[in-house]
N, C-alpha and C. Protein backbone atom coordinates (compact mmCIF):
# COMPACT_ATOMS: atom_id res chain seq x y z
N MET A 1 247.50 108.52 -24.88
CA MET A 1 246.15 108.35 -25.32
C MET A 1 245.63 106.98 -24.81
N ASN A 2 244.44 107.00 -24.33
CA ASN A 2 243.85 105.76 -23.77
C ASN A 2 243.05 105.04 -24.89
N LEU A 3 243.55 103.89 -25.28
CA LEU A 3 242.84 103.02 -26.25
C LEU A 3 242.59 101.68 -25.52
N SER A 4 241.48 101.07 -25.91
CA SER A 4 241.18 99.75 -25.31
C SER A 4 242.24 98.74 -25.76
N GLN A 5 242.39 97.68 -25.02
CA GLN A 5 243.33 96.59 -25.35
C GLN A 5 242.91 96.02 -26.70
N GLU A 6 241.56 95.88 -26.98
CA GLU A 6 241.14 95.36 -28.21
C GLU A 6 241.61 96.20 -29.42
N THR A 7 241.52 97.53 -29.32
CA THR A 7 242.00 98.40 -30.37
C THR A 7 243.51 98.30 -30.54
N ILE A 8 244.20 98.28 -29.46
CA ILE A 8 245.67 98.16 -29.51
C ILE A 8 246.04 96.84 -30.23
N GLN A 9 245.30 95.74 -29.92
CA GLN A 9 245.58 94.47 -30.58
C GLN A 9 245.31 94.51 -32.07
N LYS A 10 244.21 95.20 -32.47
CA LYS A 10 243.92 95.35 -33.88
C LYS A 10 245.03 96.08 -34.57
N ILE A 11 245.53 97.14 -33.94
CA ILE A 11 246.62 97.96 -34.53
C ILE A 11 247.84 97.10 -34.64
N ASP A 12 248.21 96.40 -33.60
CA ASP A 12 249.42 95.54 -33.56
C ASP A 12 249.36 94.46 -34.65
N VAL A 13 248.19 93.94 -34.99
CA VAL A 13 248.04 92.98 -36.02
C VAL A 13 248.02 93.60 -37.39
N THR A 14 247.50 94.76 -37.52
CA THR A 14 247.32 95.42 -38.83
C THR A 14 248.58 96.04 -39.40
N VAL A 15 249.33 96.71 -38.60
CA VAL A 15 250.52 97.46 -39.09
C VAL A 15 251.49 96.54 -39.84
N PRO A 16 251.84 95.33 -39.32
CA PRO A 16 252.78 94.50 -40.06
C PRO A 16 252.23 93.97 -41.41
N LYS A 17 250.96 94.04 -41.64
CA LYS A 17 250.38 93.59 -42.90
C LYS A 17 250.78 94.50 -44.12
N TYR A 18 251.22 95.68 -43.80
CA TYR A 18 251.58 96.71 -44.85
C TYR A 18 253.06 96.63 -45.15
N PRO A 19 253.43 96.74 -46.42
CA PRO A 19 254.87 96.71 -46.76
C PRO A 19 255.66 97.92 -46.16
N GLU A 20 254.92 99.02 -45.96
CA GLU A 20 255.51 100.20 -45.33
C GLU A 20 254.57 100.61 -44.24
N LYS A 21 255.06 100.85 -43.03
CA LYS A 21 254.18 101.18 -41.92
C LYS A 21 253.29 102.36 -42.21
N ARG A 22 253.78 103.38 -42.87
CA ARG A 22 252.96 104.57 -43.16
C ARG A 22 251.66 104.24 -43.90
N SER A 23 251.65 103.13 -44.65
CA SER A 23 250.47 102.79 -45.41
C SER A 23 249.30 102.38 -44.50
N ALA A 24 249.54 102.11 -43.26
CA ALA A 24 248.51 101.69 -42.30
C ALA A 24 247.79 102.88 -41.68
N VAL A 25 248.15 104.11 -42.02
CA VAL A 25 247.60 105.30 -41.37
C VAL A 25 246.04 105.29 -41.39
N MET A 26 245.48 105.03 -42.55
CA MET A 26 243.97 105.13 -42.58
C MET A 26 243.29 104.01 -41.68
N MET A 27 243.88 102.87 -41.64
CA MET A 27 243.27 101.84 -40.80
C MET A 27 243.39 102.17 -39.32
N LEU A 28 244.55 102.74 -38.92
CA LEU A 28 244.70 103.11 -37.53
C LEU A 28 243.75 104.22 -37.18
N LEU A 29 243.57 105.22 -38.09
CA LEU A 29 242.60 106.30 -37.85
C LEU A 29 241.15 105.70 -37.78
N HIS A 30 240.85 104.75 -38.57
CA HIS A 30 239.58 104.11 -38.56
C HIS A 30 239.33 103.41 -37.19
N PHE A 31 240.27 102.69 -36.71
CA PHE A 31 240.17 102.01 -35.44
C PHE A 31 239.98 102.98 -34.29
N ILE A 32 240.76 104.07 -34.31
CA ILE A 32 240.68 105.03 -33.23
C ILE A 32 239.32 105.79 -33.31
N GLN A 33 238.89 106.19 -34.48
CA GLN A 33 237.62 106.88 -34.57
C GLN A 33 236.46 105.97 -34.18
N SER A 34 236.54 104.73 -34.54
CA SER A 34 235.47 103.77 -34.18
C SER A 34 235.33 103.69 -32.63
N GLU A 35 236.47 103.73 -31.97
CA GLU A 35 236.45 103.66 -30.48
C GLU A 35 236.08 104.96 -29.84
N GLN A 36 236.70 106.09 -30.34
CA GLN A 36 236.59 107.35 -29.63
C GLN A 36 235.60 108.34 -30.21
N GLY A 37 235.08 108.04 -31.43
CA GLY A 37 234.08 108.90 -32.00
C GLY A 37 234.62 110.02 -32.86
N CYS A 38 235.92 110.27 -32.75
CA CYS A 38 236.57 111.34 -33.59
C CYS A 38 238.14 111.13 -33.48
N ILE A 39 238.80 111.92 -34.25
CA ILE A 39 240.28 111.89 -34.22
C ILE A 39 240.74 113.18 -33.58
N SER A 40 241.25 113.05 -32.30
CA SER A 40 241.79 114.19 -31.60
C SER A 40 243.19 114.50 -32.01
N ASN A 41 243.67 115.70 -31.58
CA ASN A 41 245.06 116.03 -31.87
C ASN A 41 246.00 115.02 -31.23
N GLU A 42 245.60 114.54 -30.03
CA GLU A 42 246.37 113.54 -29.34
C GLU A 42 246.48 112.27 -30.18
N ALA A 43 245.33 111.89 -30.82
CA ALA A 43 245.32 110.69 -31.67
C ALA A 43 246.25 110.86 -32.86
N VAL A 44 246.19 112.04 -33.52
CA VAL A 44 247.06 112.34 -34.61
C VAL A 44 248.53 112.15 -34.22
N GLU A 45 248.91 112.71 -33.09
CA GLU A 45 250.28 112.55 -32.63
C GLU A 45 250.65 111.11 -32.30
N TRP A 46 249.71 110.36 -31.70
CA TRP A 46 249.93 109.00 -31.38
C TRP A 46 250.19 108.14 -32.62
N VAL A 47 249.31 108.32 -33.65
CA VAL A 47 249.42 107.56 -34.90
C VAL A 47 250.76 107.92 -35.59
N ALA A 48 251.08 109.22 -35.55
CA ALA A 48 252.35 109.65 -36.21
C ALA A 48 253.54 109.00 -35.51
N GLU A 49 253.51 108.89 -34.22
CA GLU A 49 254.65 108.27 -33.52
C GLU A 49 254.67 106.77 -33.80
N ARG A 50 253.49 106.18 -33.77
CA ARG A 50 253.43 104.67 -34.00
C ARG A 50 253.90 104.34 -35.38
N LEU A 51 253.73 105.18 -36.41
CA LEU A 51 254.07 104.87 -37.76
C LEU A 51 255.32 105.58 -38.26
N ASP A 52 256.02 106.19 -37.35
CA ASP A 52 257.26 106.99 -37.66
C ASP A 52 257.01 108.03 -38.73
N LEU A 53 255.96 108.81 -38.47
CA LEU A 53 255.59 109.92 -39.38
C LEU A 53 255.65 111.22 -38.60
N GLN A 54 255.55 112.29 -39.33
CA GLN A 54 255.31 113.64 -38.71
C GLN A 54 253.83 113.76 -38.49
N PRO A 55 253.41 114.44 -37.40
CA PRO A 55 252.01 114.63 -37.18
C PRO A 55 251.27 115.26 -38.40
N ILE A 56 251.91 116.14 -39.12
CA ILE A 56 251.25 116.85 -40.24
C ILE A 56 250.91 115.82 -41.34
N ASN A 57 251.68 114.73 -41.44
CA ASN A 57 251.38 113.68 -42.42
C ASN A 57 250.10 112.95 -42.08
N VAL A 58 249.82 112.77 -40.85
CA VAL A 58 248.59 112.15 -40.33
C VAL A 58 247.42 113.10 -40.49
N LEU A 59 247.66 114.37 -40.07
CA LEU A 59 246.57 115.39 -40.12
C LEU A 59 246.13 115.62 -41.54
N GLU A 60 247.05 115.53 -42.50
CA GLU A 60 246.66 115.68 -43.91
C GLU A 60 245.65 114.62 -44.32
N VAL A 61 245.75 113.38 -43.83
CA VAL A 61 244.78 112.36 -44.11
C VAL A 61 243.48 112.68 -43.40
N VAL A 62 243.55 113.05 -42.16
CA VAL A 62 242.33 113.35 -41.39
C VAL A 62 241.53 114.47 -42.05
N THR A 63 242.21 115.49 -42.49
CA THR A 63 241.46 116.65 -43.05
C THR A 63 241.08 116.45 -44.53
N PHE A 64 241.68 115.53 -45.25
CA PHE A 64 241.36 115.27 -46.62
C PHE A 64 240.12 114.47 -46.79
N PHE A 65 239.99 113.38 -46.00
CA PHE A 65 238.85 112.44 -46.14
C PHE A 65 237.71 112.84 -45.21
N PRO A 66 236.50 113.13 -45.78
CA PRO A 66 235.41 113.51 -44.95
C PRO A 66 234.94 112.46 -43.96
N TYR A 67 235.31 111.22 -44.15
CA TYR A 67 234.96 110.18 -43.18
C TYR A 67 235.56 110.42 -41.80
N TYR A 68 236.72 110.98 -41.78
CA TYR A 68 237.36 111.22 -40.52
C TYR A 68 236.85 112.49 -39.85
N ARG A 69 236.58 112.51 -38.59
CA ARG A 69 236.03 113.62 -37.87
C ARG A 69 236.98 114.11 -36.78
N GLN A 70 237.08 115.40 -36.65
CA GLN A 70 237.83 115.99 -35.58
C GLN A 70 236.97 116.36 -34.38
N GLN A 71 235.70 116.30 -34.52
CA GLN A 71 234.74 116.55 -33.47
C GLN A 71 233.70 115.44 -33.51
N LYS A 72 233.22 115.07 -32.34
CA LYS A 72 232.24 113.99 -32.32
C LYS A 72 230.90 114.40 -32.96
N LEU A 73 230.25 113.45 -33.53
CA LEU A 73 228.93 113.70 -34.16
C LEU A 73 227.87 113.79 -33.06
N GLY A 74 226.78 114.39 -33.41
CA GLY A 74 225.59 114.42 -32.54
C GLY A 74 225.00 113.02 -32.42
N LYS A 75 224.03 112.94 -31.54
CA LYS A 75 223.36 111.67 -31.36
C LYS A 75 222.72 111.15 -32.66
N VAL A 76 222.24 112.09 -33.47
CA VAL A 76 221.60 111.81 -34.76
C VAL A 76 222.48 112.59 -35.82
N HIS A 77 222.88 111.83 -36.86
CA HIS A 77 223.65 112.44 -37.92
C HIS A 77 222.75 112.56 -39.18
N VAL A 78 222.53 113.84 -39.60
CA VAL A 78 221.66 114.10 -40.73
C VAL A 78 222.50 114.68 -41.85
N ARG A 79 222.48 113.97 -43.01
CA ARG A 79 223.21 114.44 -44.17
C ARG A 79 222.31 114.66 -45.37
N VAL A 80 222.28 115.88 -45.90
CA VAL A 80 221.47 116.23 -47.03
C VAL A 80 222.35 116.17 -48.26
N CYS A 81 221.94 115.36 -49.21
CA CYS A 81 222.73 115.20 -50.48
C CYS A 81 222.64 116.55 -51.24
N ARG A 82 223.79 117.01 -51.73
CA ARG A 82 223.80 118.29 -52.47
C ARG A 82 224.42 118.14 -53.86
N THR A 83 224.60 116.90 -54.34
CA THR A 83 225.13 116.80 -55.69
C THR A 83 224.12 117.22 -56.69
N LEU A 84 224.52 117.28 -57.96
CA LEU A 84 223.69 117.96 -58.96
C LEU A 84 222.25 117.59 -59.00
N SER A 85 221.92 116.29 -59.10
CA SER A 85 220.49 115.90 -59.28
C SER A 85 219.67 116.29 -58.04
N CYS A 86 220.25 116.14 -56.85
CA CYS A 86 219.52 116.55 -55.61
C CYS A 86 219.45 118.07 -55.52
N ALA A 87 220.53 118.78 -55.91
CA ALA A 87 220.48 120.23 -55.85
C ALA A 87 219.42 120.71 -56.76
N LEU A 88 219.26 120.15 -57.96
CA LEU A 88 218.26 120.62 -58.90
C LEU A 88 216.85 120.30 -58.39
N MET A 89 216.73 119.31 -57.53
CA MET A 89 215.39 118.90 -56.98
C MET A 89 215.09 119.62 -55.69
N GLY A 90 215.99 120.49 -55.22
CA GLY A 90 215.66 121.33 -54.05
C GLY A 90 216.41 121.02 -52.79
N ALA A 91 217.59 120.43 -52.90
CA ALA A 91 218.37 120.05 -51.72
C ALA A 91 218.72 121.24 -50.82
N TYR A 92 219.09 122.39 -51.46
CA TYR A 92 219.45 123.54 -50.65
C TYR A 92 218.33 124.15 -49.89
N LYS A 93 217.15 124.18 -50.60
CA LYS A 93 215.95 124.65 -49.93
C LYS A 93 215.62 123.70 -48.74
N LEU A 94 215.70 122.39 -48.98
CA LEU A 94 215.49 121.46 -47.96
C LEU A 94 216.45 121.63 -46.76
N GLY A 95 217.72 121.86 -47.09
CA GLY A 95 218.72 122.16 -46.02
C GLY A 95 218.35 123.35 -45.19
N ASP A 96 217.84 124.44 -45.84
CA ASP A 96 217.43 125.59 -45.14
C ASP A 96 216.28 125.30 -44.17
N GLU A 97 215.33 124.51 -44.68
CA GLU A 97 214.17 124.13 -43.92
C GLU A 97 214.57 123.25 -42.68
N LEU A 98 215.49 122.32 -42.88
CA LEU A 98 215.93 121.49 -41.82
C LEU A 98 216.68 122.31 -40.74
N GLU A 99 217.49 123.26 -41.15
CA GLU A 99 218.13 124.16 -40.21
C GLU A 99 217.10 124.78 -39.27
N LYS A 100 215.98 125.26 -39.84
CA LYS A 100 214.98 125.91 -39.04
C LYS A 100 214.24 124.96 -38.10
N VAL A 101 213.79 123.83 -38.63
CA VAL A 101 212.94 122.93 -37.85
C VAL A 101 213.76 122.16 -36.82
N LEU A 102 215.04 121.95 -37.10
CA LEU A 102 215.89 121.26 -36.13
C LEU A 102 216.68 122.17 -35.24
N ASP A 103 216.60 123.50 -35.52
CA ASP A 103 217.34 124.50 -34.79
C ASP A 103 218.85 124.11 -34.71
N CYS A 104 219.36 123.84 -35.90
CA CYS A 104 220.77 123.41 -35.97
C CYS A 104 221.36 124.01 -37.28
N LYS A 105 222.47 124.71 -37.13
CA LYS A 105 223.07 125.32 -38.33
C LYS A 105 223.77 124.25 -39.19
N MET A 106 223.65 124.36 -40.47
CA MET A 106 224.26 123.38 -41.38
C MET A 106 225.74 123.36 -41.19
N GLY A 107 226.29 122.16 -41.09
CA GLY A 107 227.72 121.98 -40.88
C GLY A 107 228.07 121.94 -39.39
N HIS A 108 227.13 121.92 -38.54
CA HIS A 108 227.43 122.00 -37.09
C HIS A 108 226.61 120.92 -36.34
N THR A 109 226.95 120.81 -35.06
CA THR A 109 226.26 119.95 -34.14
C THR A 109 225.57 120.88 -33.09
N LYS A 110 224.31 120.59 -32.77
CA LYS A 110 223.65 121.36 -31.74
C LYS A 110 224.41 121.35 -30.42
N GLU A 111 224.29 122.41 -29.67
CA GLU A 111 225.03 122.55 -28.44
C GLU A 111 224.68 121.38 -27.43
N ASP A 112 223.48 120.89 -27.53
CA ASP A 112 223.13 119.80 -26.59
C ASP A 112 223.61 118.40 -27.11
N GLY A 113 224.26 118.40 -28.26
CA GLY A 113 224.80 117.16 -28.82
C GLY A 113 223.78 116.23 -29.44
N SER A 114 222.62 116.69 -29.64
CA SER A 114 221.54 115.86 -30.16
C SER A 114 221.59 115.62 -31.69
N VAL A 115 221.95 116.60 -32.48
CA VAL A 115 221.90 116.51 -33.92
C VAL A 115 223.15 117.15 -34.54
N THR A 116 223.68 116.39 -35.56
CA THR A 116 224.71 117.03 -36.45
C THR A 116 224.00 117.09 -37.84
N LEU A 117 224.00 118.29 -38.40
CA LEU A 117 223.38 118.55 -39.69
C LEU A 117 224.44 118.99 -40.68
N GLU A 118 224.52 118.32 -41.84
CA GLU A 118 225.47 118.72 -42.83
C GLU A 118 225.06 118.32 -44.23
N TYR A 119 225.66 118.97 -45.21
CA TYR A 119 225.55 118.54 -46.54
C TYR A 119 226.45 117.39 -46.79
N GLY A 120 226.08 116.43 -47.68
CA GLY A 120 226.98 115.30 -48.03
C GLY A 120 227.01 115.24 -49.53
N GLU A 121 227.93 114.53 -49.97
CA GLU A 121 228.08 114.30 -51.42
C GLU A 121 227.44 112.95 -51.81
N CYS A 122 226.92 112.90 -52.93
CA CYS A 122 226.20 111.75 -53.50
C CYS A 122 225.89 110.66 -52.60
N LEU A 123 224.59 110.50 -52.27
CA LEU A 123 224.14 109.42 -51.44
C LEU A 123 223.53 108.30 -52.28
N ALA A 124 223.85 108.30 -53.57
CA ALA A 124 223.53 107.23 -54.51
C ALA A 124 222.07 106.94 -54.68
N ALA A 125 221.25 108.01 -54.69
CA ALA A 125 219.82 107.85 -55.01
C ALA A 125 219.43 109.01 -55.95
N CYS A 126 220.24 109.14 -57.00
CA CYS A 126 220.05 110.31 -57.87
C CYS A 126 218.66 110.43 -58.52
N GLY A 127 218.02 109.33 -58.74
CA GLY A 127 216.70 109.37 -59.39
C GLY A 127 215.57 109.66 -58.48
N THR A 128 215.84 109.78 -57.14
CA THR A 128 214.76 110.00 -56.18
C THR A 128 215.09 111.15 -55.26
N GLY A 129 215.78 112.12 -55.78
CA GLY A 129 216.21 113.27 -54.94
C GLY A 129 215.06 114.30 -54.80
N PRO A 130 215.25 115.15 -53.85
CA PRO A 130 216.44 115.24 -52.96
C PRO A 130 216.35 114.18 -51.87
N VAL A 131 217.49 113.72 -51.40
CA VAL A 131 217.52 112.65 -50.39
C VAL A 131 218.30 113.10 -49.21
N VAL A 132 218.00 112.50 -48.07
CA VAL A 132 218.61 112.78 -46.83
C VAL A 132 218.95 111.40 -46.16
N LEU A 133 220.12 111.36 -45.62
CA LEU A 133 220.50 110.18 -44.82
C LEU A 133 220.46 110.55 -43.41
N VAL A 134 219.62 109.86 -42.63
CA VAL A 134 219.52 110.13 -41.16
C VAL A 134 220.12 108.85 -40.54
N ASP A 135 221.28 109.06 -39.93
CA ASP A 135 222.12 107.96 -39.45
C ASP A 135 222.36 107.05 -40.66
N GLU A 136 221.75 105.86 -40.70
CA GLU A 136 221.94 105.03 -41.86
C GLU A 136 220.58 104.78 -42.65
N ASP A 137 219.58 105.58 -42.34
CA ASP A 137 218.32 105.48 -43.02
C ASP A 137 218.15 106.50 -44.10
N LEU A 138 217.85 106.09 -45.32
CA LEU A 138 217.72 106.98 -46.46
C LEU A 138 216.28 107.43 -46.64
N TYR A 139 216.08 108.72 -46.76
CA TYR A 139 214.73 109.27 -47.05
C TYR A 139 214.82 109.89 -48.44
N GLU A 140 213.86 109.50 -49.27
CA GLU A 140 213.88 109.92 -50.68
C GLU A 140 212.67 110.73 -51.07
N ASN A 141 212.75 111.37 -52.28
CA ASN A 141 211.64 112.13 -52.83
C ASN A 141 211.15 113.24 -51.84
N LEU A 142 212.05 113.89 -51.27
CA LEU A 142 211.62 114.90 -50.18
C LEU A 142 211.15 116.21 -50.70
N SER A 143 210.97 116.33 -52.00
CA SER A 143 210.36 117.58 -52.51
C SER A 143 208.87 117.45 -52.66
N LYS A 144 208.35 116.29 -52.47
CA LYS A 144 206.91 115.99 -52.58
C LYS A 144 206.24 116.36 -51.24
N ALA A 145 205.07 116.92 -51.34
CA ALA A 145 204.31 117.37 -50.17
C ALA A 145 204.09 116.21 -49.19
N GLY A 146 204.32 116.54 -47.90
CA GLY A 146 204.09 115.55 -46.87
C GLY A 146 205.23 114.55 -46.63
N THR A 147 206.35 114.71 -47.36
CA THR A 147 207.41 113.75 -47.18
C THR A 147 208.44 114.15 -46.13
N VAL A 148 208.56 115.45 -45.86
CA VAL A 148 209.57 115.90 -44.92
C VAL A 148 209.19 115.67 -43.47
N GLU A 149 207.91 115.96 -43.18
CA GLU A 149 207.42 115.93 -41.82
C GLU A 149 207.68 114.60 -41.04
N PRO A 150 207.37 113.44 -41.65
CA PRO A 150 207.65 112.21 -40.95
C PRO A 150 209.16 112.00 -40.66
N MET A 151 210.01 112.47 -41.59
CA MET A 151 211.43 112.39 -41.38
C MET A 151 211.88 113.24 -40.25
N VAL A 152 211.36 114.48 -40.18
CA VAL A 152 211.69 115.37 -39.11
C VAL A 152 211.26 114.84 -37.76
N GLU A 153 210.07 114.25 -37.71
CA GLU A 153 209.57 113.66 -36.45
C GLU A 153 210.46 112.52 -36.04
N GLU A 154 210.93 111.73 -36.93
CA GLU A 154 211.82 110.63 -36.56
C GLU A 154 213.17 111.18 -36.07
N ILE A 155 213.69 112.22 -36.71
CA ILE A 155 214.93 112.84 -36.25
C ILE A 155 214.73 113.38 -34.80
N LYS A 156 213.63 114.07 -34.58
CA LYS A 156 213.39 114.63 -33.24
C LYS A 156 213.23 113.53 -32.20
N LYS A 157 212.58 112.41 -32.58
CA LYS A 157 212.41 111.30 -31.68
C LYS A 157 213.77 110.69 -31.30
N ARG A 158 214.63 110.47 -32.33
CA ARG A 158 215.95 109.93 -32.06
C ARG A 158 216.82 110.82 -31.27
N ALA A 159 216.64 112.13 -31.49
CA ALA A 159 217.56 113.15 -30.87
C ALA A 159 217.13 113.56 -29.49
N ALA A 160 215.96 113.11 -29.04
CA ALA A 160 215.48 113.53 -27.70
C ALA A 160 216.54 113.18 -26.64
N VAL A 161 216.95 114.21 -25.98
CA VAL A 161 217.98 114.13 -24.96
C VAL A 161 217.24 114.00 -23.66
N GLU A 162 217.49 112.91 -22.95
CA GLU A 162 216.86 112.68 -21.64
C GLU A 162 217.36 113.74 -20.65
N ALA A 163 216.45 114.27 -19.88
CA ALA A 163 216.83 115.22 -18.82
C ALA A 163 217.57 114.45 -17.71
N PRO A 164 218.57 115.06 -17.12
CA PRO A 164 219.25 114.38 -16.08
C PRO A 164 218.36 114.12 -14.89
N ALA A 165 218.53 112.99 -14.27
CA ALA A 165 217.70 112.60 -13.12
C ALA A 165 217.87 113.57 -12.00
N ALA A 166 216.80 113.89 -11.33
CA ALA A 166 216.90 114.84 -10.16
C ALA A 166 217.54 114.10 -8.98
N GLU A 167 218.38 114.81 -8.29
CA GLU A 167 219.08 114.11 -7.16
C GLU A 167 218.41 114.47 -5.89
């Protein structure tokens, strides 16, 4: 697996800080995902070897925590909160609407890599639901008329994929 020298140095400094090497698994995964955008099978095997674990022990961590990704995110990451208060305020209806206007199935990334659309758990704005996190920008009160359109326009603007230059 090809990792930058900077990431290798972070790993080499981090692992000895833990009383048991296996305890560093989450930090190593974090470093790798930060650099590569996701955790590949090759990365799972590399981390397992580095920490004297079985690959299944690393994969258990990757698949348990939603922070870790096995596929790269789209250019724009859209998360619709679906916890109770947002669900009661129309989060699922909003999710259906976003699927249509963004032409992206919930839980997937568009084929062109422009948008990843998914439900998320509690985005910590329970009093102003339903809410959507677009990359790191929070959009609130999206059940009110006229609130969704500006957000959708911003998503489309960010997701615009430039056409390849003609040769």
